[in-house]
């Protein structure tokens, strides 16, 4: 995981899908709320974008997923 802010990129980036395809309770736990909140501390350093095999704008993707996540809370 290349994130210096400690963001669990792989799961946080697919959170919108998980909330719609899996039982929500597990993804809305206090533990996951804390993990998702780390997105607020994104440094926009670009390390995740350098490592992304799909060439995604990871910080933007994470921000959108976090915004969506908060609508479920």
C-alpha atoms as a PDB file:
ATOM      1  CA  UNK A   1       0.000   0.000   0.000  1.00  0.00           C
ATOM      2  CA  UNK A   2       1.779   3.148  -1.135  1.00  0.00           C
ATOM      3  CA  UNK A   3      -0.285   5.651   0.855  1.00  0.00           C
ATOM      4  CA  UNK A   4       1.707   7.760   3.333  1.00  0.00           C
ATOM      5  CA  UNK A   5      -1.593   8.964   4.866  1.00  0.00           C
ATOM      6  CA  UNK A   6      -2.482   5.367   5.771  1.00  0.00           C
ATOM      7  CA  UNK A   7      -5.530   5.143   3.503  1.00  0.00           C
ATOM      8  CA  UNK A   8      -6.534   1.557   2.699  1.00  0.00           C
ATOM      9  CA  UNK A   9      -6.821   2.428  -0.972  1.00  0.00           C
ATOM     10  CA  UNK A  10      -8.008  -0.875  -2.405  1.00  0.00           C
ATOM     11  CA  UNK A  11     -11.127  -1.196  -0.241  1.00  0.00           C
ATOM     12  CA  UNK A  12     -11.859   2.513   0.152  1.00  0.00           C
ATOM     13  CA  UNK A  13     -11.789   2.957  -3.618  1.00  0.00           C
ATOM     14  CA  UNK A  14     -14.485   0.328  -4.112  1.00  0.00           C
ATOM     15  CA  UNK A  15     -16.621   1.249  -1.121  1.00  0.00           C
ATOM     16  CA  UNK A  16     -19.536   2.554  -3.214  1.00  0.00           C
ATOM     17  CA  UNK A  17     -19.806  -0.851  -4.860  1.00  0.00           C
ATOM     18  CA  UNK A  18     -19.501  -2.736  -1.589  1.00  0.00           C
ATOM     19  CA  UNK A  19     -22.280  -0.744   0.046  1.00  0.00           C
ATOM     20  CA  UNK A  20     -24.622  -1.673  -2.779  1.00  0.00           C
ATOM     21  CA  UNK A  21     -23.616  -5.296  -3.295  1.00  0.00           C
ATOM     22  CA  UNK A  22     -22.815  -6.631   0.156  1.00  0.00           C
ATOM     23  CA  UNK A  23     -24.502  -6.413   3.555  1.00  0.00           C
ATOM     24  CA  UNK A  24     -24.000  -2.797   4.611  1.00  0.00           C
ATOM     25  CA  UNK A  25     -23.628  -3.287   8.361  1.00  0.00           C
ATOM     26  CA  UNK A  26     -20.046  -4.522   8.123  1.00  0.00           C
ATOM     27  CA  UNK A  27     -18.976  -1.600   5.938  1.00  0.00           C
ATOM     28  CA  UNK A  28     -20.666   0.991   8.164  1.00  0.00           C
ATOM     29  CA  UNK A  29     -18.942  -0.179  11.353  1.00  0.00           C
ATOM     30  CA  UNK A  30     -16.915   2.190  13.518  1.00  0.00           C
ATOM     31  CA  UNK A  31     -13.753   0.528  12.223  1.00  0.00           C
ATOM     32  CA  UNK A  32     -14.666   1.264   8.611  1.00  0.00           C
ATOM     33  CA  UNK A  33     -15.828   4.767   9.434  1.00  0.00           C
ATOM     34  CA  UNK A  34     -12.349   5.442  10.832  1.00  0.00           C
ATOM     35  CA  UNK A  35     -10.675   3.950   7.754  1.00  0.00           C
ATOM     36  CA  UNK A  36     -12.836   5.992   5.404  1.00  0.00           C
ATOM     37  CA  UNK A  37     -12.268   9.177   7.410  1.00  0.00           C
ATOM     38  CA  UNK A  38      -8.551   8.890   6.607  1.00  0.00           C
ATOM     39  CA  UNK A  39      -9.471   9.982   3.082  1.00  0.00           C
ATOM     40  CA  UNK A  40      -9.903  13.498   4.520  1.00  0.00           C
ATOM     41  CA  UNK A  41      -6.165  13.434   5.240  1.00  0.00           C
ATOM     42  CA  UNK A  42      -5.150  12.616   1.664  1.00  0.00           C
ATOM     43  CA  UNK A  43      -1.890  14.406   0.888  1.00  0.00           C
ATOM     44  CA  UNK A  44      -2.500  14.442  -2.874  1.00  0.00           C
ATOM     45  CA  UNK A  45       1.093  13.298  -3.233  1.00  0.00           C
ATOM     46  CA  UNK A  46       0.348  11.119  -6.257  1.00  0.00           C
ATOM     47  CA  UNK A  47       2.085   7.983  -4.982  1.00  0.00           C
ATOM     48  CA  UNK A  48      -1.107   5.959  -5.389  1.00  0.00           C
ATOM     49  CA  UNK A  49      -1.533   7.207  -8.948  1.00  0.00           C
ATOM     50  CA  UNK A  50       2.022   6.151  -9.779  1.00  0.00           C
ATOM     51  CA  UNK A  51       1.296   2.623  -8.536  1.00  0.00           C
ATOM     52  CA  UNK A  52      -2.198   2.272 -10.029  1.00  0.00           C
ATOM     53  CA  UNK A  53      -2.125  -0.302 -12.831  1.00  0.00           C
ATOM     54  CA  UNK A  54      -5.280   1.255 -14.320  1.00  0.00           C
ATOM     55  CA  UNK A  55      -4.051   4.847 -14.451  1.00  0.00           C
ATOM     56  CA  UNK A  56      -6.877   6.107 -12.239  1.00  0.00           C
ATOM     57  CA  UNK A  57      -7.007   9.471 -10.521  1.00  0.00           C
ATOM     58  CA  UNK A  58      -7.037   7.749  -7.150  1.00  0.00           C
ATOM     59  CA  UNK A  59      -7.385  10.834  -4.910  1.00  0.00           C
ATOM     60  CA  UNK A  60     -10.449  11.939  -6.878  1.00  0.00           C
ATOM     61  CA  UNK A  61     -11.915   8.437  -6.801  1.00  0.00           C
ATOM     62  CA  UNK A  62     -11.375   8.198  -3.049  1.00  0.00           C
ATOM     63  CA  UNK A  63     -12.985  11.593  -2.443  1.00  0.00           C
ATOM     64  CA  UNK A  64     -16.076  10.585  -4.438  1.00  0.00           C
ATOM     65  CA  UNK A  65     -16.345   7.292  -2.589  1.00  0.00           C
ATOM     66  CA  UNK A  66     -16.022   9.054   0.758  1.00  0.00           C
ATOM     67  CA  UNK A  67     -18.742  11.536  -0.165  1.00  0.00           C
ATOM     68  CA  UNK A  68     -21.002   8.641  -1.193  1.00  0.00           C
ATOM     69  CA  UNK A  69     -20.103   6.718   1.980  1.00  0.00           C
ATOM     70  CA  UNK A  70     -21.192   9.619   4.144  1.00  0.00           C
ATOM     71  CA  UNK A  71     -24.656   9.558   2.538  1.00  0.00           C
ATOM     72  CA  UNK A  72     -25.093   6.042   3.941  1.00  0.00           C
ATOM     73  CA  UNK A  73     -24.259   7.140   7.488  1.00  0.00           C
END
